[in-house]
Protein backbone atom coordinates (compact mmCIF):
# COMPACT_ATOMS: atom_id res chain seq x y z
CA MET A 1 -14.53 6.58 -7.13
CA ILE A 2 -17.52 5.99 -8.89
CA GLU A 3 -17.54 4.61 -12.13
CA ALA A 4 -19.93 4.63 -15.08
CA PRO A 5 -21.54 1.42 -15.37
CA LEU A 6 -21.64 1.69 -19.30
CA SER A 7 -19.03 3.23 -21.29
CA LEU A 8 -18.49 3.23 -25.06
CA ARG A 9 -15.51 5.28 -26.55
CA ILE A 10 -13.36 5.29 -29.77
CA THR A 11 -9.88 4.69 -29.92
CA LEU A 12 -7.61 6.57 -31.61
CA ARG A 13 -6.80 4.02 -34.50
CA GLY A 14 -10.54 4.25 -35.28
CA SER A 15 -10.78 8.75 -34.92
CA VAL A 16 -8.13 8.41 -37.23
CA LEU A 17 -9.42 6.25 -39.88
CA GLY A 18 -13.06 7.54 -39.54
CA LEU A 19 -11.02 10.99 -40.49
CA LEU A 20 -9.37 9.63 -43.17
CA ALA A 21 -12.66 8.01 -44.59
CA LEU A 22 -14.45 11.09 -44.77
CA GLY A 23 -11.59 12.59 -46.38
CA ALA A 24 -11.51 10.25 -49.42
CA VAL A 25 -15.50 10.80 -49.80
CA GLY A 26 -15.13 13.86 -50.05
CA ILE A 27 -12.24 14.02 -52.02
CA GLY A 28 -13.83 11.66 -54.10
CA LEU A 29 -16.96 13.66 -54.36
CA TYR A 30 -14.92 17.05 -55.08
CA ARG A 31 -12.49 15.39 -57.90
CA LYS A 32 -15.16 13.30 -59.17
CA GLU A 33 -13.35 10.29 -58.77
CA LEU A 34 -15.08 7.01 -58.37
CA ALA A 35 -11.89 5.09 -56.66
CA SER A 36 -11.38 7.14 -54.00
CA LEU A 37 -15.53 7.83 -53.21
CA LEU A 38 -15.95 3.45 -52.99
CA TRP A 39 -12.82 3.52 -50.85
CA GLY A 40 -14.12 6.28 -48.45
CA ILE A 41 -17.56 4.50 -48.42
CA GLY A 42 -16.37 0.96 -47.80
CA ILE A 43 -14.01 2.39 -44.76
CA LEU A 44 -17.39 4.11 -43.43
CA LEU A 45 -18.95 1.07 -43.92
CA LEU A 46 -16.77 -1.18 -41.95
CA TRP A 47 -15.96 1.54 -38.93
CA GLY A 48 -19.91 1.47 -39.01
CA THR A 49 -20.89 -2.08 -38.77
CA ALA A 50 -18.11 -1.71 -36.13
CA PHE A 51 -19.63 0.55 -34.05
CA VAL A 52 -22.47 -1.10 -33.99
CA LEU A 53 -21.51 -4.53 -33.03
CA VAL A 54 -19.52 -3.00 -30.17
CA GLY A 55 -22.83 -0.98 -29.09
CA ILE A 56 -25.03 -3.82 -29.18
CA SER A 57 -22.86 -6.20 -27.37
CA SER A 58 -21.91 -3.58 -24.52
CA PHE A 59 -26.10 -2.97 -24.03
CA LEU A 60 -26.83 -6.28 -24.15
CA SER A 61 -24.13 -7.16 -21.35
CA TYR A 62 -24.98 -4.34 -19.47
CA ARG A 63 -28.49 -5.17 -19.18
CA ARG A 64 -28.03 -8.85 -18.51
CA ARG A 65 -25.38 -7.58 -15.94
CA ASN A 66 -26.94 -8.64 -12.58
CA GLU A 67 -27.39 -12.28 -14.14
CA ILE A 68 -23.83 -12.39 -14.99
CA ILE A 69 -22.78 -11.81 -11.96
CA GLU A 70 -24.96 -14.60 -10.36
CA PHE A 71 -23.15 -17.15 -13.02
CA LEU A 72 -19.67 -16.09 -12.35
CA HIS A 73 -17.02 -17.08 -9.52
CA LEU A 74 -13.85 -14.92 -8.66
CA ALA A 75 -11.65 -16.94 -6.19
CA MET A 76 -8.50 -16.34 -5.00
CA HIS A 77 -5.33 -18.42 -3.53
CA PRO A 78 -4.32 -18.23 -1.38
CA PRO A 79 -7.24 -16.46 0.17
CA GLU A 80 -6.95 -14.24 3.10
CA PRO A 81 -5.14 -12.73 4.70
CA LEU A 82 -2.96 -11.66 1.80
CA TYR A 83 0.42 -9.71 2.22
CA ALA A 84 2.04 -7.36 0.36
CA GLY A 85 4.69 -9.21 -2.36
CA SER A 86 3.39 -12.49 -1.64
CA SER A 87 2.19 -14.42 -5.53
CA VAL A 88 -1.51 -14.84 -5.66
CA GLN A 89 -3.59 -16.74 -8.37
CA PHE A 90 -6.99 -15.36 -9.46
CA HIS A 91 -9.34 -18.67 -10.36
CA LEU A 92 -12.19 -16.94 -12.44
CA SER A 93 -15.36 -19.37 -14.06
CA PHE A 94 -18.85 -19.39 -15.04
CA SER A 95 -21.02 -21.86 -13.63
CA SER A 96 -23.20 -21.80 -16.95
CA HIS A 97 -23.25 -21.21 -20.42
CA PRO A 98 -26.57 -18.87 -20.39
CA PRO A 99 -24.55 -15.40 -19.88
CA VAL A 100 -21.31 -16.85 -21.84
CA LYS A 101 -24.15 -16.83 -24.71
CA ILE A 102 -23.75 -12.80 -24.76
CA LEU A 103 -20.17 -13.22 -25.31
CA ARG A 104 -20.90 -15.15 -28.78
CA ILE A 105 -21.32 -12.48 -31.24
CA PRO A 106 -19.83 -12.32 -33.90
CA GLY A 107 -16.85 -10.31 -34.48
CA VAL A 108 -17.33 -8.71 -31.25
CA LEU A 109 -13.43 -9.60 -28.84
CA PHE A 110 -14.97 -10.02 -25.05
CA THR A 111 -12.10 -8.99 -22.07
CA TYR A 112 -12.66 -9.47 -18.24
CA ARG A 113 -10.63 -7.04 -16.56
CA TYR A 114 -9.69 -6.45 -12.90
CA LYS A 115 -8.77 -3.36 -11.18
CA VAL A 116 -8.99 -2.42 -7.89
CA THR A 117 -7.42 0.93 -6.53
CA SER A 118 -6.04 2.13 -2.80
CA TRP A 119 -5.43 5.70 -2.13
CA ASP A 120 -6.67 6.55 -5.44
CA VAL A 121 -3.02 6.22 -6.93
CA ARG A 122 -2.19 2.93 -6.18
CA THR A 123 -3.54 0.64 -8.45
CA PHE A 124 -3.68 -3.62 -8.71
CA SER A 125 -5.53 -5.09 -11.91
CA TRP A 126 -5.05 -7.55 -14.67
CA SER A 127 -6.71 -8.93 -17.50
CA LEU A 128 -8.37 -12.26 -18.96
CA PRO A 129 -8.89 -12.32 -22.92
CA LEU A 130 -12.44 -14.72 -22.68
CA LYS A 131 -13.19 -17.50 -25.29
CA ARG A 132 -16.28 -18.71 -26.62
CA LYS A 133 -16.21 -21.87 -25.40
CA THR A 134 -14.32 -21.85 -22.36
CA LEU A 135 -16.05 -21.97 -18.56
CA ALA A 136 -13.07 -21.47 -16.46
CA TYR A 137 -10.12 -19.28 -16.61
CA THR A 138 -5.99 -18.70 -14.50
CA CYS A 139 -4.34 -15.29 -13.89
CA SER A 140 -1.56 -15.02 -12.06
CA PRO A 141 -0.61 -11.12 -11.64
CA PRO A 142 2.57 -9.78 -10.48
CA PRO A 143 2.33 -9.69 -6.52
CA PRO A 144 0.18 -6.88 -5.04
CA LEU A 145 2.00 -4.47 -3.26
CA ARG A 146 0.26 -2.85 0.36
CA GLY A 147 -2.76 -0.94 0.05
CA ASP A 148 -6.77 -1.34 1.35
CA TYR A 149 -8.04 -1.45 -2.25
CA GLN A 150 -11.73 -1.37 -3.28
CA GLY A 151 -13.91 -1.90 -6.63
CA SER A 152 -15.88 -3.43 -8.43
CA ILE A 153 -15.41 -7.33 -8.87
CA GLY A 154 -14.35 -6.76 -12.97
CA HIS A 155 -15.58 -4.97 -15.94
CA LEU A 156 -16.38 -6.50 -19.32
CA HIS A 157 -14.57 -4.63 -22.35
CA ALA A 158 -16.43 -5.14 -25.65
CA GLU A 159 -13.66 -4.42 -28.89
CA ASP A 160 -13.74 -4.82 -32.91
CA PRO A 161 -11.34 -7.17 -33.95
CA PHE A 162 -9.97 -3.98 -35.72
CA GLY A 163 -9.71 -1.76 -32.67
CA PHE A 164 -12.00 1.09 -33.23
CA PHE A 165 -14.41 1.14 -30.58
CA VAL A 166 -14.52 -0.25 -26.80
CA GLY A 167 -17.54 -0.56 -24.45
CA ARG A 168 -17.26 -1.17 -20.97
CA VAL A 169 -19.63 -2.55 -18.69
CA THR A 170 -19.06 -2.16 -14.84
CA LEU A 171 -20.19 -5.43 -13.28
CA PRO A 172 -22.43 -4.05 -10.30
CA TYR A 173 -21.05 -5.97 -7.16
CA LEU A 174 -18.27 -3.74 -4.50
CA ILE A 175 -15.24 -5.75 -3.25
CA HIS A 176 -12.80 -4.65 -0.39
CA PHE A 177 -9.36 -6.54 -1.18
CA PRO A 178 -6.88 -5.36 1.77
CA VAL A 179 -3.35 -6.55 1.05
CA LEU A 180 -1.63 -6.59 4.73
CA PRO A 181 2.22 -5.77 5.75
CA ASP A 182 4.59 -8.87 5.48
CA PRO A 183 5.13 -9.07 9.02
CA SER A 184 7.75 -11.94 8.49
CA LEU A 185 10.08 -9.64 6.91
CA SER A 186 12.94 -8.89 9.74
CA PRO A 187 13.93 -5.06 9.87
CA ALA A 188 17.76 -3.80 9.81
CA LEU A 189 18.75 -1.40 12.25
CA ARG A 190 21.07 1.33 10.00
CA THR A 191 24.75 2.55 10.35
CA LEU A 192 25.77 4.83 8.21
CA GLU A 193 29.62 6.33 7.53
CA ALA A 194 29.51 9.71 8.62
CA PRO A 195 32.10 12.55 6.95
CA GLY A 196 35.91 11.30 7.44
CA GLY A 197 35.37 7.66 7.50
CA GLU A 198 33.97 7.09 10.79
CA VAL A 199 31.08 5.05 10.66
CA HIS A 200 28.59 5.82 13.55
CA PRO A 201 25.91 2.80 14.19
CA ALA A 202 22.27 3.87 15.31
CA HIS A 203 22.89 1.59 18.16
CA GLN A 204 25.37 -0.91 20.02
CA LYS A 205 24.84 -4.54 18.75
CA PRO A 206 25.18 -6.97 21.58
CA PHE A 207 28.13 -9.60 20.71
CA VAL A 208 28.69 -10.05 24.61
CA ALA A 209 27.13 -12.70 26.30
CA LEU A 210 23.32 -12.73 28.00
CA GLU A 211 24.91 -13.20 31.26
CA GLU A 212 27.16 -10.25 30.75
CA LEU A 213 23.74 -8.19 29.88
CA GLU A 214 22.27 -9.15 32.50
CA ILE A 215 18.77 -9.96 30.74
CA ARG A 216 16.79 -13.42 30.41
CA LYS A 217 14.46 -15.15 27.86
CA TYR A 218 11.12 -13.16 28.19
CA MET A 219 8.49 -15.58 30.26
CA PRO A 220 4.83 -15.34 30.11
CA GLY A 221 3.74 -12.68 33.17
CA ASP A 222 7.08 -10.81 33.10
CA ASP A 223 6.64 -6.50 33.19
CA VAL A 224 6.78 -5.56 29.12
CA ARG A 225 8.45 -2.40 31.26
CA ARG A 226 11.57 -4.36 31.65
CA LEU A 227 11.96 -5.85 27.43
CA HIS A 228 15.19 -5.36 26.00
CA TRP A 229 13.94 -3.54 22.68
CA LYS A 230 17.61 -3.27 20.90
CA LEU A 231 18.12 -7.06 21.27
CA PHE A 232 14.39 -7.37 20.17
CA ALA A 233 14.92 -5.87 17.11
CA HIS A 234 18.42 -7.56 16.23
CA SER A 235 17.50 -11.12 17.17
CA GLY A 236 12.72 -11.02 17.13
CA GLU A 237 12.52 -13.05 20.74
CA LEU A 238 12.10 -11.17 23.98
CA PHE A 239 14.41 -10.99 26.66
CA LEU A 240 13.95 -9.14 29.96
CA ARG A 241 16.37 -6.96 31.81
CA ILE A 242 17.11 -8.13 35.75
CA GLY A 243 19.02 -7.20 38.34
CA GLU A 244 16.38 -4.82 39.47
CA SER A 245 13.13 -4.90 42.05
CA ASP A 246 10.38 -5.83 39.11
CA PRO A 247 7.24 -3.43 39.79
CA PRO A 248 3.49 -4.34 39.30
CA PRO A 249 3.73 -6.24 35.45
CA GLN A 250 2.29 -5.12 32.83
CA ASP A 251 1.14 -7.09 29.82
CA THR A 252 -0.16 -4.36 27.55
CA VAL A 253 2.24 -2.02 24.49
CA HIS A 254 0.91 0.96 22.84
CA ILE A 255 2.05 0.71 19.55
CA HIS A 256 2.08 4.48 18.03
CA PHE A 257 2.16 6.01 14.46
CA ASP A 258 3.27 9.72 13.92
CA LEU A 259 2.70 9.73 10.02
CA THR A 260 4.12 13.22 9.22
CA PRO A 261 6.82 13.38 6.37
CA SER A 262 9.83 15.49 6.43
CA ILE A 263 9.21 18.91 5.14
CA HIS A 264 12.12 17.54 1.95
CA LEU A 265 10.52 13.83 1.31
CA HIS A 266 9.14 14.26 -2.29
CA PRO A 267 5.83 13.30 -3.03
CA SER A 268 6.32 10.15 -5.05
CA PHE A 269 8.14 8.77 -1.87
CA PHE A 270 5.41 8.89 0.38
CA LEU A 271 3.78 5.73 -0.40
CA PRO A 272 7.10 3.74 -0.12
CA ALA A 273 7.75 5.21 2.84
CA SER A 274 4.77 4.38 4.54
CA ASP A 275 5.27 0.98 3.06
CA ARG A 276 8.51 1.33 5.09
CA MET A 277 7.08 2.12 7.93
CA ALA A 278 4.63 0.10 7.69
CA ALA A 279 6.18 -3.49 7.48
CA ILE A 280 8.72 -2.69 10.18
CA GLY A 281 5.51 -1.94 12.39
CA ALA A 282 3.63 -5.35 11.19
CA TRP A 283 6.62 -7.46 12.55
CA TYR A 284 6.98 -5.55 15.93
CA LEU A 285 3.25 -5.82 16.18
CA ARG A 286 2.93 -9.85 15.43
CA ASN A 287 6.13 -10.83 17.70
CA LEU A 288 4.75 -8.69 20.45
CA SER A 289 0.83 -10.37 19.76
CA GLU A 290 2.38 -13.64 19.51
CA ALA A 291 4.03 -13.07 23.01
CA GLY A 292 0.85 -13.05 24.93
CA LYS A 293 0.60 -8.82 24.88
CA GLN A 294 -2.27 -6.83 24.53
CA ILE A 295 -1.72 -3.77 22.17
CA ILE A 296 -2.84 -0.77 21.86
CA LEU A 297 -2.17 0.46 18.18
CA SER A 298 -3.01 4.68 16.87
CA LEU A 299 -1.82 5.97 13.57
CA GLY A 300 -1.72 9.72 13.44
CA THR A 301 -2.74 12.24 15.38
CA SER A 302 -7.05 12.25 14.69
CA SER A 303 -7.47 8.16 14.24
CA PRO A 304 -8.86 6.39 17.59
CA PRO A 305 -6.88 3.91 19.04
CA VAL A 306 -7.66 0.08 18.36
CA SER A 307 -7.08 -2.57 21.08
CA LEU A 308 -5.78 -5.66 19.80
CA ASP A 309 -6.09 -9.19 21.88
CA PRO A 310 -3.11 -11.20 22.70
CA GLY A 311 -2.60 -13.23 19.70
CA HIS A 312 -4.77 -11.93 17.17
CA PRO A 313 -2.83 -8.96 15.11
CA ASP A 314 -4.73 -9.88 12.01
CA LYS A 315 -6.75 -6.09 12.80
CA GLY A 316 -3.77 -4.23 13.61
CA LEU A 317 -2.55 -5.52 10.28
CA GLU A 318 -5.33 -4.43 8.59
CA GLU A 319 -5.17 -0.93 9.84
CA LEU A 320 -1.79 -0.54 8.76
CA ALA A 321 -2.87 -1.46 5.56
CA ARG A 322 -4.61 1.38 5.44
CA MET A 323 -1.38 3.67 6.46
CA TYR A 324 -0.85 6.68 4.01
CA PRO A 325 1.51 9.70 5.15
CA ASP A 326 -0.48 12.68 6.87
CA THR A 327 0.75 15.32 4.46
CA GLY A 328 -2.18 18.06 5.08
CA LEU A 329 -1.10 18.94 8.75
CA SER A 330 -0.28 22.04 9.84
CA PHE A 331 1.80 21.30 12.68
CA SER A 332 0.23 24.24 14.69
CA ARG A 333 0.52 21.76 17.68
CA GLU A 334 4.12 20.62 17.89
CA GLY A 335 3.36 18.82 21.01
CA ALA A 336 0.73 16.94 19.74
CA LEU A 337 2.17 13.66 18.94
CA LEU A 338 -0.89 10.91 20.74
CA PRO A 339 -4.28 11.18 19.46
CA GLY A 340 -5.72 14.26 21.20
CA GLU A 341 -3.04 14.45 23.92
CA SER A 342 0.00 15.50 24.68
CA LEU A 343 3.46 14.19 25.21
CA THR A 344 4.45 15.69 28.82
CA PRO A 345 3.59 14.36 30.95
CA LEU A 346 2.46 10.96 29.91
CA PRO A 347 -1.36 10.54 29.63
CA GLN A 348 -3.31 9.31 32.19
CA THR A 349 -6.50 8.77 30.61
CA ALA A 350 -5.87 6.79 27.27
CA LEU A 351 -2.30 5.76 28.06
CA PRO A 352 -2.13 5.07 31.79
CA ALA A 353 1.95 6.12 32.71
CA GLU A 354 2.70 2.53 33.25
CA ARG A 355 2.00 1.07 29.65
CA PRO A 356 4.99 0.90 27.61
CA LEU A 357 5.30 3.02 24.45
CA LEU A 358 6.32 2.71 21.03
CA LEU A 359 6.75 5.38 19.19
CA PHE A 360 7.13 5.59 14.98
CA LEU A 361 8.43 8.31 13.23
CA PHE A 362 9.99 9.12 9.76
CA VAL A 363 13.30 10.60 9.76
CA GLY A 364 12.76 14.51 9.63
CA SER A 365 9.52 14.89 11.05
CA PRO A 366 8.68 18.29 12.22
CA ARG A 367 7.98 15.99 15.81
CA THR A 368 11.41 14.91 16.06
CA GLU A 369 12.62 16.96 18.86
CA ILE A 370 9.76 16.10 21.22
CA ALA A 371 9.91 12.94 20.63
CA LEU A 372 13.67 12.66 21.55
CA GLU A 373 12.88 15.14 24.47
CA TYR A 374 9.93 12.69 25.43
CA ALA A 375 12.13 9.39 25.09
CA ALA A 376 15.15 10.90 27.18
CA SER A 377 12.62 12.05 30.52
CA GLU A 378 11.04 8.44 30.00
CA ARG A 379 13.68 5.80 29.19
CA GLU A 380 11.21 3.38 31.55
CA THR A 381 8.26 3.95 29.29
CA VAL A 382 9.54 4.62 26.14
CA GLN A 383 11.29 3.21 22.50
CA VAL A 384 11.09 5.55 20.02
CA CYS A 385 12.36 4.28 16.00
CA PHE A 386 12.83 6.48 13.22
CA VAL A 387 12.08 5.14 10.30
CA HIS A 388 14.68 6.03 7.33
CA PRO A 389 11.86 6.74 4.39
CA THR A 390 14.13 6.98 1.25
CA GLU A 391 16.45 3.53 2.23
CA GLY A 392 17.44 1.68 -0.63
CA MET A 393 15.14 3.52 -3.09
CA GLY A 394 16.13 5.93 -5.96
CA PRO A 395 15.18 8.15 -8.61
CA THR A 396 13.79 5.56 -11.01
CA HIS A 397 10.25 6.58 -11.31
CA ALA A 398 11.38 10.23 -13.02
CA ARG A 399 9.91 11.53 -15.79
CA SER A 400 11.92 14.59 -16.96
CA ARG A 401 14.86 16.12 -15.79
CA LYS A 402 13.35 18.23 -13.63
CA GLU A 403 12.10 15.61 -11.59
CA ARG A 404 14.58 13.77 -11.40
CA ARG A 405 16.72 16.30 -9.94
CA ALA A 406 13.60 17.08 -7.50
CA LEU A 407 13.99 13.36 -6.63
CA ASN A 408 18.20 13.28 -6.25
CA SER A 409 17.40 16.93 -4.02
CA SER A 410 15.18 14.89 -1.65
CA LEU A 411 17.39 12.20 -1.29
CA GLN A 412 20.47 14.06 -0.25
CA GLU A 413 17.92 16.09 2.18
CA ILE A 414 16.49 13.46 3.88
CA GLU A 415 20.70 11.22 3.87
CA LYS A 416 21.61 14.78 5.80
CA GLU A 417 19.00 14.27 8.25
CA ALA A 418 19.13 10.86 8.81
CA ALA A 419 23.36 11.46 9.52
CA GLU A 420 22.14 14.50 12.16
CA LEU A 421 19.86 12.12 13.87
CA THR A 422 22.69 9.05 13.90
CA LEU A 423 25.43 11.15 15.46
CA ARG A 424 23.15 12.61 18.05
CA ILE A 425 21.26 9.50 19.28
CA GLY A 426 24.66 7.54 19.58
CA GLY A 427 24.24 4.37 21.11
CA GLU A 428 20.83 5.72 23.36
CA SER A 429 19.50 2.27 24.26
CA HIS A 430 15.54 4.44 23.94
CA VAL A 431 15.90 5.65 20.20
CA LEU A 432 16.38 3.29 17.24
CA LEU A 433 16.50 4.10 13.46
CA PHE A 434 15.85 1.57 10.98
C-alpha cells in the first residue's frame, strides 16, 4: 500500500471549533453583538494560526525528509531474527542537531510514529514524542505477532498544542521486518471427550519402555523413513524404529502445508489459525533441520518448494512467517495437494517416492479425505498432521451480537469436525491431531 509522502488534515476537535467560531461570527454580525463577534474572530485567528504553524512545519519536514533520514538511526534489540511473542526494544537517535532544528518550531508538537503492516490486516506500531533537546529515545512496544511486515521506516507527525490540525510526513525509506514463528514452543497433541464421557485420544501416548517399542535414538545417517513421528511429537527427540531390514538411507524430508481452511471457519480466525499451524510447523522444521535433515518446504499448491540445507532452518522460518490461509481456491482439483502434482501415486519428479513426507492440514480442510487415503496407502512414507484451527480461541473480539453468534457457530462447527476426525483416526500412527 503506497502512502502519501505529505498529508495535512483537520481533527474532529478542530472541525467542531471552527464551525462554532463561524457560527459566533455570524450571530455577532446578525445581532450586532460585539462580544460574539470578537469571540468568534479570536477563535478563528487561533484556528488559522494553528493551521499555518502545522502546515509550515509539515512542509519543512517534507522538504528536508532526506536529510532527516541521513541523521536518523533506528536500531532493534535483539537484532533479527525476531520471533513472535518475544520482547523487543527500539532505539531511535539523531546523530546531529541540524535536522532536529526543524522540530523546534514554537507551538508545534512532533511525534515519531513507526507503523508496518503484514497482509494489509495485521499492524505493528509504536510512537515516541520528540523533545527539542533530546537526541536519543528508547521504546518497548508490546511483542509483535507473526508476519512479514513492510512499510516506511517512520512517519513524522506535527500537531498544534490544541489538537486542531495534524500533519504527517512519510520518511522515504522502506523496510522489511519479518517476525518468525517461535520454533521453541512444543506443540501438544490433542485429546477430545466424545459424547457419553469417553475420551478418544488423537493418538496413544508412549508409556511403555523404549525396549518394548523396539526403537532406538536416531543417529546421523539413519533412514528418515523409519523415524517414529508420534514419539517425536511427544518428546522432541528423534527415534528410529528397529527390527526390519534397513532400506537405503535417506536424509531428505518434504514438509508440505496445505493452507485451505474449513468452509465453517470464520474469516476472523484465519490469521490465528495460520499462526498456530506456522508455530507447529516451525517446531518440526527446526528439530529436523538440527538433526541434520535436508528439508524441502512447500506452502500451498502454487508456491514453489524451497530447499533447506541441514542446520539452516531460517529461510524456512521466513517462509512460514508469510504463510496465510488460501481462501480464494475453487477446489476444482480435489486431488491437488502438492504443488502442481497429484497425490496418487507419489510424484516421481519433484518428490521421489523414497522421501518421507509430512503433510499439514487444517481440521475440516476440503482435502481431508484424499489426504487420509493417501496416508493410509503410504504409511511408511507419509505422516499427516491435522491442526485444530481454533484451539483455545473464543469470540472475544466480536463487535456485535450478530458477529458473536457467527463466531460461536464457527467454533461449534470446527469442534464437530475435530470430534469426527478424532473418532475416525483413533490411534493411527501415521495421522496426528494437534
